[in-house]
PDB file of N, CA and C in Angstrom:
ATOM      1  N   MET A   1       6.982-273.323-138.716  1.00  0.00           N
ATOM      2  CA  MET A   1       6.731-274.542-137.881  1.00  0.00           C
ATOM      3  C   MET A   1       5.883-275.272-138.733  1.00  0.00           C
ATOM      4  N   VAL A   2       5.849-276.763-138.895  1.00  0.00           N
ATOM      5  CA  VAL A   2       4.889-277.647-139.427  1.00  0.00           C
ATOM      6  C   VAL A   2       3.983-277.909-138.191  1.00  0.00           C
ATOM      7  N   ARG A   3       2.694-277.742-138.782  1.00  0.00           N
ATOM      8  CA  ARG A   3       1.654-278.049-137.583  1.00  0.00           C
ATOM      9  C   ARG A   3       1.239-279.674-137.702  1.00  0.00           C
ATOM     10  N   ASP A   4       1.036-280.197-136.370  1.00  0.00           N
ATOM     11  CA  ASP A   4       0.618-281.817-136.762  1.00  0.00           C
ATOM     12  C   ASP A   4      -0.971-281.877-137.049  1.00  0.00           C
ATOM     13  N   SER A   5      -1.115-282.565-138.223  1.00  0.00           N
ATOM     14  CA  SER A   5      -2.227-282.578-138.846  1.00  0.00           C
ATOM     15  C   SER A   5      -3.263-283.371-138.139  1.00  0.00           C
ATOM     16  N   SER A   6      -2.791-284.247-137.292  1.00  0.00           N
ATOM     17  CA  SER A   6      -3.748-285.114-136.496  1.00  0.00           C
ATOM     18  C   SER A   6      -4.258-284.284-135.192  1.00  0.00           C
ATOM     19  N   LYS A   7      -3.769-283.061-135.016  1.00  0.00           N
ATOM     20  CA  LYS A   7      -4.488-282.070-133.963  1.00  0.00           C
ATOM     21  C   LYS A   7      -5.526-281.430-134.715  1.00  0.00           C
ATOM     22  N   SER A   8      -6.672-281.180-133.903  1.00  0.00           N
ATOM     23  CA  SER A   8      -7.908-280.554-134.419  1.00  0.00           C
ATOM     24  C   SER A   8      -8.582-279.810-133.264  1.00  0.00           C
ATOM     25  N   GLY A   9      -9.320-278.687-133.570  1.00  0.00           N
ATOM     26  CA  GLY A   9     -10.199-278.111-132.728  1.00  0.00           C
ATOM     27  C   GLY A   9      -9.267-277.075-131.794  1.00  0.00           C
ATOM     28  N   VAL A  10      -9.880-276.441-130.899  1.00  0.00           N
ATOM     29  CA  VAL A  10      -9.612-275.536-129.658  1.00  0.00           C
ATOM     30  C   VAL A  10     -10.006-275.963-128.773  1.00  0.00           C
ATOM     31  N   LEU A  11      -9.243-276.487-127.720  1.00  0.00           N
ATOM     32  CA  LEU A  11      -9.814-276.958-126.285  1.00  0.00           C
ATOM     33  C   LEU A  11      -9.904-275.673-125.511  1.00  0.00           C
ATOM     34  N   ILE A  12     -11.069-275.414-124.911  1.00  0.00           N
ATOM     35  CA  ILE A  12     -11.336-274.240-124.297  1.00  0.00           C
ATOM     36  C   ILE A  12     -11.714-274.704-122.629  1.00  0.00           C
ATOM     37  N   LEU A  13     -11.018-274.171-121.869  1.00  0.00           N
ATOM     38  CA  LEU A  13     -11.307-274.230-120.407  1.00  0.00           C
ATOM     39  C   LEU A  13     -12.009-273.358-119.928  1.00  0.00           C
ATOM     40  N   GLY A  14     -13.140-273.583-119.252  1.00  0.00           N
ATOM     41  CA  GLY A  14     -14.045-272.694-118.652  1.00  0.00           C
ATOM     42  C   GLY A  14     -15.251-272.430-119.502  1.00  0.00           C
ATOM     43  N   GLU A  15     -15.778-273.559-119.811  1.00  0.00           N
ATOM     44  CA  GLU A  15     -17.087-273.534-120.786  1.00  0.00           C
ATOM     45  C   GLU A  15     -18.419-272.814-120.412  1.00  0.00           C
ATOM     46  N   SER A  16     -18.421-272.724-118.860  1.00  0.00           N
ATOM     47  CA  SER A  16     -19.526-272.116-118.511  1.00  0.00           C
ATOM     48  C   SER A  16     -19.468-270.484-118.466  1.00  0.00           C
ATOM     49  N   GLY A  17     -18.476-269.866-118.425  1.00  0.00           N
ATOM     50  CA  GLY A  17     -18.372-268.476-118.387  1.00  0.00           C
ATOM     51  C   GLY A  17     -18.606-267.700-119.572  1.00  0.00           C
ATOM     52  N   GLN A  18     -18.518-266.527-119.405  1.00  0.00           N
ATOM     53  CA  GLN A  18     -18.839-265.643-120.472  1.00  0.00           C
ATOM     54  C   GLN A  18     -17.935-265.585-121.681  1.00  0.00           C
ATOM     55  N   VAL A  19     -16.639-265.820-121.407  1.00  0.00           N
ATOM     56  CA  VAL A  19     -15.512-265.946-122.278  1.00  0.00           C
ATOM     57  C   VAL A  19     -15.594-267.245-123.095  1.00  0.00           C
ATOM     58  N   GLY A  20     -15.971-268.329-122.252  1.00  0.00           N
ATOM     59  CA  GLY A  20     -16.009-269.711-122.960  1.00  0.00           C
ATOM     60  C   GLY A  20     -17.264-269.879-123.851  1.00  0.00           C
ATOM     61  N   ARG A  21     -18.402-269.155-123.319  1.00  0.00           N
ATOM     62  CA  ARG A  21     -19.694-269.331-124.210  1.00  0.00           C
ATOM     63  C   ARG A  21     -19.585-268.433-125.534  1.00  0.00           C
ATOM     64  N   ALA A  22     -18.679-267.403-125.243  1.00  0.00           N
ATOM     65  CA  ALA A  22     -18.319-266.478-126.635  1.00  0.00           C
ATOM     66  C   ALA A  22     -17.707-267.121-127.466  1.00  0.00           C
ATOM     67  N   LEU A  23     -16.514-267.820-127.035  1.00  0.00           N
ATOM     68  CA  LEU A  23     -15.628-268.703-127.890  1.00  0.00           C
ATOM     69  C   LEU A  23     -16.387-269.864-128.423  1.00  0.00           C
ATOM     70  N   LYS A  24     -17.310-270.563-127.803  1.00  0.00           N
ATOM     71  CA  LYS A  24     -18.063-271.549-128.272  1.00  0.00           C
ATOM     72  C   LYS A  24     -19.002-270.974-129.553  1.00  0.00           C
ATOM     73  N   HIS A  25     -19.470-269.876-129.386  1.00  0.00           N
ATOM     74  CA  HIS A  25     -20.288-269.247-130.340  1.00  0.00           C
ATOM     75  C   HIS A  25     -19.555-269.051-131.696  1.00  0.00           C
ATOM     76  N   LEU A  26     -18.323-268.222-131.350  1.00  0.00           N
ATOM     77  CA  LEU A  26     -17.387-267.872-132.455  1.00  0.00           C
ATOM     78  C   LEU A  26     -16.833-269.127-133.175  1.00  0.00           C
ATOM     79  N   LEU A  27     -16.368-270.100-132.437  1.00  0.00           N
ATOM     80  CA  LEU A  27     -15.745-271.359-132.908  1.00  0.00           C
ATOM     81  C   LEU A  27     -16.674-272.520-133.350  1.00  0.00           C
ATOM     82  N   GLY A  28     -17.837-272.418-133.106  1.00  0.00           N
ATOM     83  CA  GLY A  28     -18.690-273.639-133.369  1.00  0.00           C
ATOM     84  C   GLY A  28     -18.245-274.884-133.060  1.00  0.00           C
ATOM     85  N   ASP A  29     -18.098-275.719-134.214  1.00  0.00           N
ATOM     86  CA  ASP A  29     -17.810-277.104-133.824  1.00  0.00           C
ATOM     87  C   ASP A  29     -16.284-277.406-133.688  1.00  0.00           C
ATOM     88  N   ASP A  30     -15.561-276.197-134.004  1.00  0.00           N
ATOM     89  CA  ASP A  30     -14.046-276.547-133.889  1.00  0.00           C
ATOM     90  C   ASP A  30     -13.794-276.188-132.201  1.00  0.00           C
ATOM     91  N   ALA A  31     -14.809-275.782-131.146  1.00  0.00           N
ATOM     92  CA  ALA A  31     -14.523-275.753-130.025  1.00  0.00           C
ATOM     93  C   ALA A  31     -14.796-277.014-129.365  1.00  0.00           C
ATOM     94  N   ILE A  32     -13.699-277.307-128.282  1.00  0.00           N
ATOM     95  CA  ILE A  32     -13.876-278.436-127.536  1.00  0.00           C
ATOM     96  C   ILE A  32     -13.889-277.888-126.072  1.00  0.00           C
ATOM     97  N   LEU A  33     -15.148-277.631-125.274  1.00  0.00           N
ATOM     98  CA  LEU A  33     -15.207-276.811-124.221  1.00  0.00           C
ATOM     99  C   LEU A  33     -15.241-278.146-122.989  1.00  0.00           C
ATOM    100  N   LEU A  34     -14.398-277.571-122.146  1.00  0.00           N
ATOM    101  CA  LEU A  34     -14.408-278.561-120.685  1.00  0.00           C
ATOM    102  C   LEU A  34     -14.895-277.771-119.664  1.00  0.00           C
ATOM    103  N   THR A  35     -15.678-278.343-118.800  1.00  0.00           N
ATOM    104  CA  THR A  35     -16.158-277.878-117.571  1.00  0.00           C
ATOM    105  C   THR A  35     -15.007-278.008-116.523  1.00  0.00           C
ATOM    106  N   ARG A  36     -15.328-277.459-115.365  1.00  0.00           N
ATOM    107  CA  ARG A  36     -14.435-277.318-114.214  1.00  0.00           C
ATOM    108  C   ARG A  36     -14.393-278.831-113.723  1.00  0.00           C
ATOM    109  N   LYS A  37     -15.482-279.615-113.698  1.00  0.00           N
ATOM    110  CA  LYS A  37     -15.434-280.978-113.375  1.00  0.00           C
ATOM    111  C   LYS A  37     -14.331-281.779-114.199  1.00  0.00           C
ATOM    112  N   GLN A  38     -14.476-281.535-115.379  1.00  0.00           N
ATOM    113  CA  GLN A  38     -13.548-282.231-116.545  1.00  0.00           C
ATOM    114  C   GLN A  38     -11.905-281.962-116.253  1.00  0.00           C
ATOM    115  N   ALA A  39     -11.745-280.394-116.026  1.00  0.00           N
ATOM    116  CA  ALA A  39     -10.469-279.898-115.908  1.00  0.00           C
ATOM    117  C   ALA A  39     -10.546-278.851-114.825  1.00  0.00           C
ATOM    118  N   ASP A  40     -10.195-279.196-113.625  1.00  0.00           N
ATOM    119  CA  ASP A  40     -10.234-278.376-112.351  1.00  0.00           C
ATOM    120  C   ASP A  40      -8.886-277.831-112.104  1.00  0.00           C
ATOM    121  N   LEU A  41      -8.764-276.478-112.416  1.00  0.00           N
ATOM    122  CA  LEU A  41      -7.719-275.610-112.224  1.00  0.00           C
ATOM    123  C   LEU A  41      -7.241-275.472-110.753  1.00  0.00           C
ATOM    124  N   SER A  42      -8.144-275.666-109.805  1.00  0.00           N
ATOM    125  CA  SER A  42      -7.844-275.650-108.472  1.00  0.00           C
ATOM    126  C   SER A  42      -7.010-277.108-108.197  1.00  0.00           C
ATOM    127  N   ARG A  43      -7.008-277.801-108.959  1.00  0.00           N
ATOM    128  CA  ARG A  43      -6.128-279.213-108.828  1.00  0.00           C
ATOM    129  C   ARG A  43      -5.199-279.032-110.051  1.00  0.00           C
ATOM    130  N   PRO A  44      -4.097-278.251-110.129  1.00  0.00           N
ATOM    131  CA  PRO A  44      -3.416-278.471-111.311  1.00  0.00           C
ATOM    132  C   PRO A  44      -2.563-279.530-111.655  1.00  0.00           C
ATOM    133  N   ASP A  45      -2.308-280.284-110.726  1.00  0.00           N
ATOM    134  CA  ASP A  45      -1.565-281.566-110.847  1.00  0.00           C
ATOM    135  C   ASP A  45      -2.603-282.667-111.550  1.00  0.00           C
ATOM    136  N   SER A  46      -3.727-282.509-111.685  1.00  0.00           N
ATOM    137  CA  SER A  46      -4.631-283.292-112.456  1.00  0.00           C
ATOM    138  C   SER A  46      -4.818-282.939-113.839  1.00  0.00           C
ATOM    139  N   LEU A  47      -4.160-281.684-114.402  1.00  0.00           N
ATOM    140  CA  LEU A  47      -4.636-281.376-115.630  1.00  0.00           C
ATOM    141  C   LEU A  47      -4.016-281.874-116.671  1.00  0.00           C
ATOM    142  N   GLU A  48      -2.860-282.463-116.531  1.00  0.00           N
ATOM    143  CA  GLU A  48      -2.349-283.353-117.838  1.00  0.00           C
ATOM    144  C   GLU A  48      -3.061-284.597-118.028  1.00  0.00           C
ATOM    145  N   GLN A  49      -3.563-285.342-116.959  1.00  0.00           N
ATOM    146  CA  GLN A  49      -4.390-286.471-117.138  1.00  0.00           C
ATOM    147  C   GLN A  49      -5.749-286.048-117.798  1.00  0.00           C
ATOM    148  N   ALA A  50      -6.443-284.882-117.457  1.00  0.00           N
ATOM    149  CA  ALA A  50      -7.549-284.859-117.766  1.00  0.00           C
ATOM    150  C   ALA A  50      -7.608-284.132-119.191  1.00  0.00           C
ATOM    151  N   LEU A  51      -6.372-283.670-119.857  1.00  0.00           N
ATOM    152  CA  LEU A  51      -6.150-283.053-121.074  1.00  0.00           C
ATOM    153  C   LEU A  51      -5.779-284.318-122.052  1.00  0.00           C
ATOM    154  N   ALA A  52      -5.352-285.321-121.305  1.00  0.00           N
ATOM    155  CA  ALA A  52      -4.827-286.552-122.434  1.00  0.00           C
ATOM    156  C   ALA A  52      -5.687-286.944-123.294  1.00  0.00           C
ATOM    157  N   PRO A  53      -6.980-287.315-123.290  1.00  0.00           N
ATOM    158  CA  PRO A  53      -7.879-287.835-124.329  1.00  0.00           C
ATOM    159  C   PRO A  53      -7.863-286.760-125.486  1.00  0.00           C
ATOM    160  N   TYR A  54      -7.450-285.575-125.326  1.00  0.00           N
ATOM    161  CA  TYR A  54      -7.661-284.379-126.434  1.00  0.00           C
ATOM    162  C   TYR A  54      -6.512-284.332-127.232  1.00  0.00           C
ATOM    163  N   HIS A  55      -6.603-283.867-128.350  1.00  0.00           N
ATOM    164  CA  HIS A  55      -5.305-283.497-129.339  1.00  0.00           C
ATOM    165  C   HIS A  55      -5.852-282.210-130.021  1.00  0.00           C
ATOM    166  N   PRO A  56      -5.933-281.114-129.315  1.00  0.00           N
ATOM    167  CA  PRO A  56      -6.466-279.864-129.743  1.00  0.00           C
ATOM    168  C   PRO A  56      -5.246-279.276-130.813  1.00  0.00           C
ATOM    169  N   ALA A  57      -5.368-278.448-131.676  1.00  0.00           N
ATOM    170  CA  ALA A  57      -4.573-277.717-132.142  1.00  0.00           C
ATOM    171  C   ALA A  57      -4.101-276.398-131.315  1.00  0.00           C
ATOM    172  N   ALA A  58      -4.953-276.111-130.319  1.00  0.00           N
ATOM    173  CA  ALA A  58      -4.659-274.984-129.472  1.00  0.00           C
ATOM    174  C   ALA A  58      -5.491-275.217-128.076  1.00  0.00           C
ATOM    175  N   ILE A  59      -5.002-274.386-127.048  1.00  0.00           N
ATOM    176  CA  ILE A  59      -5.797-274.588-125.710  1.00  0.00           C
ATOM    177  C   ILE A  59      -5.887-272.987-125.358  1.00  0.00           C
ATOM    178  N   ILE A  60      -7.077-272.534-124.859  1.00  0.00           N
ATOM    179  CA  ILE A  60      -7.455-271.348-124.490  1.00  0.00           C
ATOM    180  C   ILE A  60      -8.120-271.600-123.049  1.00  0.00           C
ATOM    181  N   ASN A  61      -7.360-270.792-122.085  1.00  0.00           N
ATOM    182  CA  ASN A  61      -7.870-271.004-120.908  1.00  0.00           C
ATOM    183  C   ASN A  61      -8.747-269.783-120.494  1.00  0.00           C
ATOM    184  N   ALA A  62      -9.931-270.036-120.452  1.00  0.00           N
ATOM    185  CA  ALA A  62     -11.129-268.888-120.414  1.00  0.00           C
ATOM    186  C   ALA A  62     -11.656-269.059-118.770  1.00  0.00           C
ATOM    187  N   ALA A  63     -10.980-269.922-117.937  1.00  0.00           N
ATOM    188  CA  ALA A  63     -11.389-270.105-116.713  1.00  0.00           C
ATOM    189  C   ALA A  63     -10.451-269.215-115.929  1.00  0.00           C
ATOM    190  N   ALA A  64     -10.936-268.677-114.594  1.00  0.00           N
ATOM    191  CA  ALA A  64     -10.220-268.034-113.843  1.00  0.00           C
ATOM    192  C   ALA A  64     -11.149-267.686-112.387  1.00  0.00           C
ATOM    193  N   TYR A  65     -10.208-267.255-111.389  1.00  0.00           N
ATOM    194  CA  TYR A  65     -10.734-267.266-110.041  1.00  0.00           C
ATOM    195  C   TYR A  65     -11.000-265.644-110.160  1.00  0.00           C
ATOM    196  N   THR A  66     -12.193-265.658-109.950  1.00  0.00           N
ATOM    197  CA  THR A  66     -12.981-264.097-110.325  1.00  0.00           C
ATOM    198  C   THR A  66     -13.561-263.282-109.137  1.00  0.00           C
ATOM    199  N   ALA A  67     -13.633-264.161-107.987  1.00  0.00           N
ATOM    200  CA  ALA A  67     -14.321-263.662-106.709  1.00  0.00           C
ATOM    201  C   ALA A  67     -13.388-262.575-106.093  1.00  0.00           C
ATOM    202  N   VAL A  68     -13.504-261.546-106.623  1.00  0.00           N
ATOM    203  CA  VAL A  68     -12.254-260.376-106.060  1.00  0.00           C
ATOM    204  C   VAL A  68     -12.517-260.343-104.621  1.00  0.00           C
ATOM    205  N   ASP A  69     -13.749-260.158-104.283  1.00  0.00           N
ATOM    206  CA  ASP A  69     -13.850-259.799-102.756  1.00  0.00           C
ATOM    207  C   ASP A  69     -13.469-260.929-102.034  1.00  0.00           C
ATOM    208  N   LYS A  70     -13.476-262.161-102.263  1.00  0.00           N
ATOM    209  CA  LYS A  70     -12.921-263.229-101.489  1.00  0.00           C
ATOM    210  C   LYS A  70     -11.325-263.386-101.856  1.00  0.00           C
ATOM    211  N   ALA A  71     -10.913-263.044-102.666  1.00  0.00           N
ATOM    212  CA  ALA A  71      -9.416-263.271-103.083  1.00  0.00           C
ATOM    213  C   ALA A  71      -8.508-263.233-101.993  1.00  0.00           C
ATOM    214  N   GLU A  72      -8.726-262.097-100.908  1.00  0.00           N
ATOM    215  CA  GLU A  72      -7.697-262.287 -99.835  1.00  0.00           C
ATOM    216  C   GLU A  72      -7.772-263.246 -98.817  1.00  0.00           C
ATOM    217  N   GLU A  73      -9.100-263.690 -98.789  1.00  0.00           N
ATOM    218  CA  GLU A  73      -9.548-264.686 -97.835  1.00  0.00           C
ATOM    219  C   GLU A  73      -8.843-266.292 -98.471  1.00  0.00           C
ATOM    220  N   GLU A  74      -9.115-266.372 -99.667  1.00  0.00           N
ATOM    221  CA  GLU A  74      -8.757-267.520-100.368  1.00  0.00           C
ATOM    222  C   GLU A  74      -7.444-267.340-101.357  1.00  0.00           C
ATOM    223  N   GLU A  75      -6.562-266.720-100.815  1.00  0.00           N
ATOM    224  CA  GLU A  75      -5.216-266.243-101.607  1.00  0.00           C
ATOM    225  C   GLU A  75      -4.738-267.459-102.231  1.00  0.00           C
ATOM    226  N   THR A  76      -4.553-268.410-101.649  1.00  0.00           N
ATOM    227  CA  THR A  76      -3.881-269.871-102.105  1.00  0.00           C
ATOM    228  C   THR A  76      -4.630-270.230-103.202  1.00  0.00           C
ATOM    229  N   LEU A  77      -6.149-270.338-103.063  1.00  0.00           N
ATOM    230  CA  LEU A  77      -6.873-270.838-104.393  1.00  0.00           C
ATOM    231  C   LEU A  77      -6.855-269.870-105.355  1.00  0.00           C
ATOM    232  N   ALA A  78      -6.981-268.588-105.208  1.00  0.00           N
ATOM    233  CA  ALA A  78      -6.847-267.715-106.318  1.00  0.00           C
ATOM    234  C   ALA A  78      -5.677-267.868-106.949  1.00  0.00           C
ATOM    235  N   THR A  79      -4.346-268.098-106.313  1.00  0.00           N
ATOM    236  CA  THR A  79      -3.032-268.099-106.839  1.00  0.00           C
ATOM    237  C   THR A  79      -2.914-269.565-107.515  1.00  0.00           C
ATOM    238  N   THR A  80      -3.402-270.516-106.972  1.00  0.00           N
ATOM    239  CA  THR A  80      -3.553-271.845-107.813  1.00  0.00           C
ATOM    240  C   THR A  80      -4.117-271.677-108.937  1.00  0.00           C
ATOM    241  N   ILE A  81      -5.308-271.126-109.096  1.00  0.00           N
ATOM    242  CA  ILE A  81      -6.161-271.061-110.186  1.00  0.00           C
ATOM    243  C   ILE A  81      -5.666-270.070-111.306  1.00  0.00           C
ATOM    244  N   ASN A  82      -5.112-268.885-110.806  1.00  0.00           N
ATOM    245  CA  ASN A  82      -4.933-267.830-111.805  1.00  0.00           C
ATOM    246  C   ASN A  82      -3.206-267.963-112.067  1.00  0.00           C
ATOM    247  N   GLY A  83      -2.467-268.649-111.168  1.00  0.00           N
ATOM    248  CA  GLY A  83      -1.093-268.547-111.504  1.00  0.00           C
ATOM    249  C   GLY A  83      -0.497-269.922-111.851  1.00  0.00           C
ATOM    250  N   THR A  84      -0.514-270.821-110.843  1.00  0.00           N
ATOM    251  CA  THR A  84      -0.017-272.093-110.921  1.00  0.00           C
ATOM    252  C   THR A  84      -0.753-272.874-112.010  1.00  0.00           C
ATOM    253  N   ALA A  85      -1.997-273.005-112.224  1.00  0.00           N
ATOM    254  CA  ALA A  85      -2.534-273.811-113.038  1.00  0.00           C
ATOM    255  C   ALA A  85      -2.214-273.370-114.539  1.00  0.00           C
ATOM    256  N   PRO A  86      -2.211-271.854-115.033  1.00  0.00           N
ATOM    257  CA  PRO A  86      -1.896-271.488-116.294  1.00  0.00           C
ATOM    258  C   PRO A  86      -0.426-271.762-116.694  1.00  0.00           C
ATOM    259  N   GLY A  87       0.568-271.668-115.510  1.00  0.00           N
ATOM    260  CA  GLY A  87       1.787-272.278-115.801  1.00  0.00           C
ATOM    261  C   GLY A  87       1.951-273.656-116.272  1.00  0.00           C
ATOM    262  N   ILE A  88       1.263-274.429-115.588  1.00  0.00           N
ATOM    263  CA  ILE A  88       1.357-276.010-115.870  1.00  0.00           C
ATOM    264  C   ILE A  88       0.438-276.271-117.370  1.00  0.00           C
ATOM    265  N   LEU A  89      -0.614-275.375-117.570  1.00  0.00           N
ATOM    266  CA  LEU A  89      -0.982-275.371-118.903  1.00  0.00           C
ATOM    267  C   LEU A  89      -0.053-275.146-120.057  1.00  0.00           C
ATOM    268  N   ALA A  90       0.586-274.155-119.594  1.00  0.00           N
ATOM    269  CA  ALA A  90       1.748-273.705-120.912  1.00  0.00           C
ATOM    270  C   ALA A  90       2.816-274.901-120.974  1.00  0.00           C
ATOM    271  N   ASP A  91       3.103-275.529-119.763  1.00  0.00           N
ATOM    272  CA  ASP A  91       4.131-276.726-119.698  1.00  0.00           C
ATOM    273  C   ASP A  91       3.481-277.975-120.538  1.00  0.00           C
ATOM    274  N   ILE A  92       2.220-278.183-120.433  1.00  0.00           N
ATOM    275  CA  ILE A  92       1.684-279.054-121.254  1.00  0.00           C
ATOM    276  C   ILE A  92       1.637-278.799-122.629  1.00  0.00           C
ATOM    277  N   CYS A  93       1.294-277.690-123.191  1.00  0.00           N
ATOM    278  CA  CYS A  93       1.257-277.214-124.494  1.00  0.00           C
ATOM    279  C   CYS A  93       2.729-277.166-124.983  1.00  0.00           C
ATOM    280  N   LYS A  94       3.611-277.035-124.293  1.00  0.00           N
ATOM    281  CA  LYS A  94       4.980-277.064-124.706  1.00  0.00           C
ATOM    282  C   LYS A  94       5.438-278.415-125.201  1.00  0.00           C
ATOM    283  N   LYS A  95       5.191-279.381-124.300  1.00  0.00           N
ATOM    284  CA  LYS A  95       5.301-280.725-124.298  1.00  0.00           C
ATOM    285  C   LYS A  95       4.611-281.553-125.366  1.00  0.00           C
ATOM    286  N   ARG A  96       3.521-280.860-125.710  1.00  0.00           N
ATOM    287  CA  ARG A  96       2.651-281.452-126.770  1.00  0.00           C
ATOM    288  C   ARG A  96       2.745-280.623-128.234  1.00  0.00           C
ATOM    289  N   ASP A  97       3.760-279.736-128.020  1.00  0.00           N
ATOM    290  CA  ASP A  97       3.860-278.935-129.268  1.00  0.00           C
ATOM    291  C   ASP A  97       2.873-278.088-129.822  1.00  0.00           C
ATOM    292  N   ILE A  98       2.018-277.665-128.800  1.00  0.00           N
ATOM    293  CA  ILE A  98       0.558-276.640-129.172  1.00  0.00           C
ATOM    294  C   ILE A  98       1.185-275.288-129.144  1.00  0.00           C
ATOM    295  N   PRO A  99       1.291-274.532-130.142  1.00  0.00           N
ATOM    296  CA  PRO A  99       1.765-273.162-130.106  1.00  0.00           C
ATOM    297  C   PRO A  99       1.115-272.212-128.939  1.00  0.00           C
ATOM    298  N   PRO A 100       1.744-271.356-128.423  1.00  0.00           N
ATOM    299  CA  PRO A 100       1.342-270.398-127.399  1.00  0.00           C
ATOM    300  C   PRO A 100       0.118-269.457-128.163  1.00  0.00           C
TER     301      PRO A 100
END
């Protein structure tokens, strides 16, 4: 596969979590970290617009619904963040020719 040379960096969703911070440390200036405010996985229909300004070579979703004790109460929210949103991210990557 020929990679688009205009794409650069690794876009990371979930910048405030442990995984996001570790990836920032590992990738340094190649990391493009987005906050929940910038890319809200609880609103998956907004993700395409939120990611539009960026042209990363890869996208890593380090964000998740992790409140296990509340997941049964907030099943719809947990499913949206951990299921629906990653599916939409995969579709965005496919459309933009970003490898899995």
